[in-house]
C-alpha cells in the first residue's frame, strides 16, 4: 500500500494565496509575447549577427553615444545564440503557462537584465541598448503591478 507524501512546506512566495498561482495575469502573458518577438532573432548565429549588424548601423545612423556593437566571432555568436534560445524557450513556456509564479521569476529577471543594461551603457557601450532597456523596465513595471494586484486579492 502506497501513501501520498504531503509536504507542509509553503510554496514560493508564501504570501500569495495558492489560488493565485493558477491566475493568469494578462501583463505576464503579454510580456512573454514581447520577449518572444524581441529574442527569437538571437536564437541562431545567422540571425543574431544580422540583428547586431543592424544595431551597429542604427548606432552610426543616429550617432548615439557609446561604442557600437563589435562584430562577434563564432564563439561569441554561439553564446549569444544560446542566450537567445533560452530566452525564447522561456517566453514560450510563459505563453503556454502564464502562471503568477513564472511571471514573478520573470519580473526578477527583468530587474537583473535592466541592471546589466544600465551597467553596459554606463561603461561605454552603445546607447542603442536603451531601446531594450525601455522594454525591460516597462514590462517589469507592468508585471510587478499585476502581481501586486493579484497578491491583494
C-alpha atoms as a PDB file:
ATOM      1  CA  UNK A   1       0.000   0.000   0.000  1.00  0.00           C
ATOM      2  CA  UNK A   2       1.476   3.343  -1.042  1.00  0.00           C
ATOM      3  CA  UNK A   3       0.963   6.589   0.773  1.00  0.00           C
ATOM      4  CA  UNK A   4       0.907  10.015  -0.779  1.00  0.00           C
ATOM      5  CA  UNK A   5       3.618  12.296   0.516  1.00  0.00           C
ATOM      6  CA  UNK A   6       2.173  15.577   1.667  1.00  0.00           C
ATOM      7  CA  UNK A   7       4.508  18.480   2.215  1.00  0.00           C
ATOM      8  CA  UNK A   8       3.768  21.123   4.805  1.00  0.00           C
ATOM      9  CA  UNK A   9       6.372  23.474   3.308  1.00  0.00           C
ATOM     10  CA  UNK A  10       4.949  26.733   1.946  1.00  0.00           C
ATOM     11  CA  UNK A  11       5.210  27.438  -1.757  1.00  0.00           C
ATOM     12  CA  UNK A  12       7.286  30.370  -3.027  1.00  0.00           C
ATOM     13  CA  UNK A  13       6.411  33.134  -2.276  1.00  0.00           C
ATOM     14  CA  UNK A  14       4.352  32.157   0.724  1.00  0.00           C
ATOM     15  CA  UNK A  15       2.430  35.460   0.813  1.00  0.00           C
ATOM     16  CA  UNK A  16       0.480  34.776  -2.385  1.00  0.00           C
ATOM     17  CA  UNK A  17      -2.581  32.594  -1.963  1.00  0.00           C
ATOM     18  CA  UNK A  18      -2.271  29.192  -3.596  1.00  0.00           C
ATOM     19  CA  UNK A  19      -5.212  30.020  -5.854  1.00  0.00           C
ATOM     20  CA  UNK A  20      -3.177  32.970  -7.137  1.00  0.00           C
ATOM     21  CA  UNK A  21      -0.639  30.674  -8.761  1.00  0.00           C
ATOM     22  CA  UNK A  22      -3.206  29.490 -11.264  1.00  0.00           C
ATOM     23  CA  UNK A  23      -4.363  33.022 -12.045  1.00  0.00           C
ATOM     24  CA  UNK A  24      -3.200  34.339 -15.400  1.00  0.00           C
ATOM     25  CA  UNK A  25      -2.189  37.987 -15.123  1.00  0.00           C
ATOM     26  CA  UNK A  26      -2.536  39.491 -18.574  1.00  0.00           C
ATOM     27  CA  UNK A  27       0.684  41.512 -18.345  1.00  0.00           C
ATOM     28  CA  UNK A  28       2.698  38.349 -17.803  1.00  0.00           C
ATOM     29  CA  UNK A  29       1.329  36.776 -20.978  1.00  0.00           C
ATOM     30  CA  UNK A  30       1.817  39.983 -22.961  1.00  0.00           C
ATOM     31  CA  UNK A  31       5.379  40.281 -21.608  1.00  0.00           C
ATOM     32  CA  UNK A  32       6.097  36.729 -22.750  1.00  0.00           C
ATOM     33  CA  UNK A  33       4.868  37.522 -26.279  1.00  0.00           C
ATOM     34  CA  UNK A  34       7.066  40.644 -26.280  1.00  0.00           C
ATOM     35  CA  UNK A  35      10.074  38.543 -25.216  1.00  0.00           C
ATOM     36  CA  UNK A  36       9.405  36.010 -27.953  1.00  0.00           C
ATOM     37  CA  UNK A  37       9.251  38.696 -30.636  1.00  0.00           C
ATOM     38  CA  UNK A  38      12.358  40.516 -29.370  1.00  0.00           C
ATOM     39  CA  UNK A  39      14.590  37.492 -28.699  1.00  0.00           C
ATOM     40  CA  UNK A  40      13.758  34.894 -31.337  1.00  0.00           C
ATOM     41  CA  UNK A  41      16.130  36.655 -33.730  1.00  0.00           C
ATOM     42  CA  UNK A  42      19.008  35.984 -31.351  1.00  0.00           C
ATOM     43  CA  UNK A  43      18.336  32.220 -31.344  1.00  0.00           C
ATOM     44  CA  UNK A  44      20.610  31.445 -34.316  1.00  0.00           C
ATOM     45  CA  UNK A  45      24.116  32.722 -35.091  1.00  0.00           C
ATOM     46  CA  UNK A  46      22.980  33.895 -38.532  1.00  0.00           C
ATOM     47  CA  UNK A  47      20.050  35.993 -37.358  1.00  0.00           C
ATOM     48  CA  UNK A  48      21.914  37.237 -34.256  1.00  0.00           C
ATOM     49  CA  UNK A  49      24.755  38.505 -36.457  1.00  0.00           C
ATOM     50  CA  UNK A  50      22.224  40.291 -38.675  1.00  0.00           C
ATOM     51  CA  UNK A  51      20.481  41.932 -35.695  1.00  0.00           C
ATOM     52  CA  UNK A  52      23.786  43.046 -34.211  1.00  0.00           C
ATOM     53  CA  UNK A  53      24.846  44.452 -37.578  1.00  0.00           C
ATOM     54  CA  UNK A  54      21.566  46.381 -37.788  1.00  0.00           C
ATOM     55  CA  UNK A  55      22.128  47.676 -34.247  1.00  0.00           C
ATOM     56  CA  UNK A  56      25.584  48.867 -35.331  1.00  0.00           C
ATOM     57  CA  UNK A  57      24.090  50.630 -38.332  1.00  0.00           C
ATOM     58  CA  UNK A  58      21.460  52.293 -36.113  1.00  0.00           C
ATOM     59  CA  UNK A  59      24.242  53.372 -33.757  1.00  0.00           C
ATOM     60  CA  UNK A  60      26.070  55.056 -36.650  1.00  0.00           C
ATOM     61  CA  UNK A  61      22.944  56.458 -38.329  1.00  0.00           C
ATOM     62  CA  UNK A  62      21.654  58.139 -35.180  1.00  0.00           C
ATOM     63  CA  UNK A  63      25.154  58.959 -33.913  1.00  0.00           C
ATOM     64  CA  UNK A  64      24.338  57.729 -30.415  1.00  0.00           C
ATOM     65  CA  UNK A  65      26.923  57.822 -27.633  1.00  0.00           C
ATOM     66  CA  UNK A  66      28.999  54.807 -26.690  1.00  0.00           C
ATOM     67  CA  UNK A  67      30.840  52.134 -28.612  1.00  0.00           C
ATOM     68  CA  UNK A  68      28.981  50.328 -31.399  1.00  0.00           C
ATOM     69  CA  UNK A  69      28.391  46.604 -31.009  1.00  0.00           C
ATOM     70  CA  UNK A  70      31.519  44.743 -32.154  1.00  0.00           C
ATOM     71  CA  UNK A  71      31.460  42.105 -34.853  1.00  0.00           C
ATOM     72  CA  UNK A  72      31.288  38.812 -32.977  1.00  0.00           C
ATOM     73  CA  UNK A  73      33.436  35.774 -33.706  1.00  0.00           C
ATOM     74  CA  UNK A  74      31.799  32.316 -33.954  1.00  0.00           C
ATOM     75  CA  UNK A  75      32.327  31.543 -30.244  1.00  0.00           C
ATOM     76  CA  UNK A  76      30.675  34.790 -29.122  1.00  0.00           C
ATOM     77  CA  UNK A  77      27.829  34.227 -31.599  1.00  0.00           C
ATOM     78  CA  UNK A  78      27.358  30.723 -30.198  1.00  0.00           C
ATOM     79  CA  UNK A  79      26.932  32.133 -26.678  1.00  0.00           C
ATOM     80  CA  UNK A  80      24.663  34.896 -27.965  1.00  0.00           C
ATOM     81  CA  UNK A  81      22.528  32.287 -29.721  1.00  0.00           C
ATOM     82  CA  UNK A  82      22.421  30.054 -26.650  1.00  0.00           C
ATOM     83  CA  UNK A  83      21.166  33.053 -24.664  1.00  0.00           C
ATOM     84  CA  UNK A  84      18.625  33.847 -27.383  1.00  0.00           C
ATOM     85  CA  UNK A  85      17.440  30.236 -27.443  1.00  0.00           C
ATOM     86  CA  UNK A  86      16.996  30.052 -23.671  1.00  0.00           C
ATOM     87  CA  UNK A  87      15.062  33.323 -23.509  1.00  0.00           C
ATOM     88  CA  UNK A  88      12.927  32.241 -26.475  1.00  0.00           C
ATOM     89  CA  UNK A  89      12.121  28.907 -24.801  1.00  0.00           C
ATOM     90  CA  UNK A  90      11.354  30.721 -21.512  1.00  0.00           C
ATOM     91  CA  UNK A  91       8.972  33.027 -23.419  1.00  0.00           C
ATOM     92  CA  UNK A  92       7.198  30.041 -24.992  1.00  0.00           C
ATOM     93  CA  UNK A  93       6.885  28.384 -21.558  1.00  0.00           C
ATOM     94  CA  UNK A  94       5.255  31.531 -20.169  1.00  0.00           C
ATOM     95  CA  UNK A  95       2.935  31.805 -23.166  1.00  0.00           C
ATOM     96  CA  UNK A  96       1.790  28.220 -22.635  1.00  0.00           C
ATOM     97  CA  UNK A  97       1.633  28.553 -18.812  1.00  0.00           C
ATOM     98  CA  UNK A  98       1.281  32.246 -17.847  1.00  0.00           C
ATOM     99  CA  UNK A  99       1.172  31.498 -14.133  1.00  0.00           C
ATOM    100  CA  UNK A 100       1.966  34.008 -11.417  1.00  0.00           C
ATOM    101  CA  UNK A 101       4.970  32.032 -10.162  1.00  0.00           C
ATOM    102  CA  UNK A 102       6.616  32.145 -13.610  1.00  0.00           C
ATOM    103  CA  UNK A 103       5.721  35.808 -14.042  1.00  0.00           C
ATOM    104  CA  UNK A 104       7.284  36.560 -10.634  1.00  0.00           C
ATOM    105  CA  UNK A 105      10.509  34.825 -11.669  1.00  0.00           C
ATOM    106  CA  UNK A 106      10.489  36.695 -14.968  1.00  0.00           C
ATOM    107  CA  UNK A 107       9.903  40.015 -13.195  1.00  0.00           C
ATOM    108  CA  UNK A 108      13.029  39.479 -11.097  1.00  0.00           C
ATOM    109  CA  UNK A 109      14.899  38.562 -14.285  1.00  0.00           C
ATOM    110  CA  UNK A 110      13.779  41.810 -15.893  1.00  0.00           C
ATOM    111  CA  UNK A 111      15.229  43.755 -12.962  1.00  0.00           C
ATOM    112  CA  UNK A 112      18.548  41.913 -13.403  1.00  0.00           C
ATOM    113  CA  UNK A 113      18.567  42.430 -17.182  1.00  0.00           C
ATOM    114  CA  UNK A 114      17.802  46.131 -16.671  1.00  0.00           C
ATOM    115  CA  UNK A 115      20.670  46.489 -14.196  1.00  0.00           C
ATOM    116  CA  UNK A 116      23.060  44.786 -16.631  1.00  0.00           C
ATOM    117  CA  UNK A 117      21.950  47.040 -19.482  1.00  0.00           C
ATOM    118  CA  UNK A 118      22.429  50.149 -17.342  1.00  0.00           C
ATOM    119  CA  UNK A 119      25.869  48.876 -16.340  1.00  0.00           C
ATOM    120  CA  UNK A 120      26.817  48.335 -20.015  1.00  0.00           C
ATOM    121  CA  UNK A 121      25.707  51.829 -21.057  1.00  0.00           C
ATOM    122  CA  UNK A 122      27.495  53.410 -18.078  1.00  0.00           C
ATOM    123  CA  UNK A 123      30.624  51.531 -19.134  1.00  0.00           C
ATOM    124  CA  UNK A 124      30.669  52.983 -22.632  1.00  0.00           C
ATOM    125  CA  UNK A 125      28.524  50.633 -24.686  1.00  0.00           C
ATOM    126  CA  UNK A 126      26.157  51.886 -27.366  1.00  0.00           C
ATOM    127  CA  UNK A 127      23.133  53.817 -26.189  1.00  0.00           C
ATOM    128  CA  UNK A 128      21.091  51.713 -28.633  1.00  0.00           C
ATOM    129  CA  UNK A 129      20.811  49.353 -25.647  1.00  0.00           C
ATOM    130  CA  UNK A 130      18.386  51.881 -24.157  1.00  0.00           C
ATOM    131  CA  UNK A 131      15.721  50.696 -26.626  1.00  0.00           C
ATOM    132  CA  UNK A 132      15.849  47.249 -24.985  1.00  0.00           C
ATOM    133  CA  UNK A 133      16.140  48.816 -21.523  1.00  0.00           C
ATOM    134  CA  UNK A 134      12.897  50.739 -22.019  1.00  0.00           C
ATOM    135  CA  UNK A 135      11.149  47.469 -22.895  1.00  0.00           C
ATOM    136  CA  UNK A 136      12.564  45.695 -19.846  1.00  0.00           C
ATOM    137  CA  UNK A 137      11.603  48.480 -17.437  1.00  0.00           C
ATOM    138  CA  UNK A 138       8.133  48.776 -18.967  1.00  0.00           C
ATOM    139  CA  UNK A 139       7.395  45.045 -18.678  1.00  0.00           C
ATOM    140  CA  UNK A 140       8.989  44.899 -15.211  1.00  0.00           C
ATOM    141  CA  UNK A 141       6.621  47.649 -14.046  1.00  0.00           C
ATOM    142  CA  UNK A 142       3.515  46.148 -15.669  1.00  0.00           C
ATOM    143  CA  UNK A 143       4.217  42.624 -14.441  1.00  0.00           C
ATOM    144  CA  UNK A 144       5.062  43.764 -10.913  1.00  0.00           C
ATOM    145  CA  UNK A 145       1.876  45.825 -10.709  1.00  0.00           C
ATOM    146  CA  UNK A 146      -0.149  42.821 -11.880  1.00  0.00           C
ATOM    147  CA  UNK A 147       1.495  40.561  -9.305  1.00  0.00           C
ATOM    148  CA  UNK A 148       0.878  43.086  -6.531  1.00  0.00           C
ATOM    149  CA  UNK A 149      -2.807  43.355  -7.527  1.00  0.00           C
ATOM    150  CA  UNK A 150      -3.031  39.571  -7.504  1.00  0.00           C
ATOM    151  CA  UNK A 151      -1.449  39.456  -4.057  1.00  0.00           C
ATOM    152  CA  UNK A 152      -4.100  41.856  -2.670  1.00  0.00           C
ATOM    153  CA  UNK A 153      -6.921  39.511  -3.717  1.00  0.00           C
END
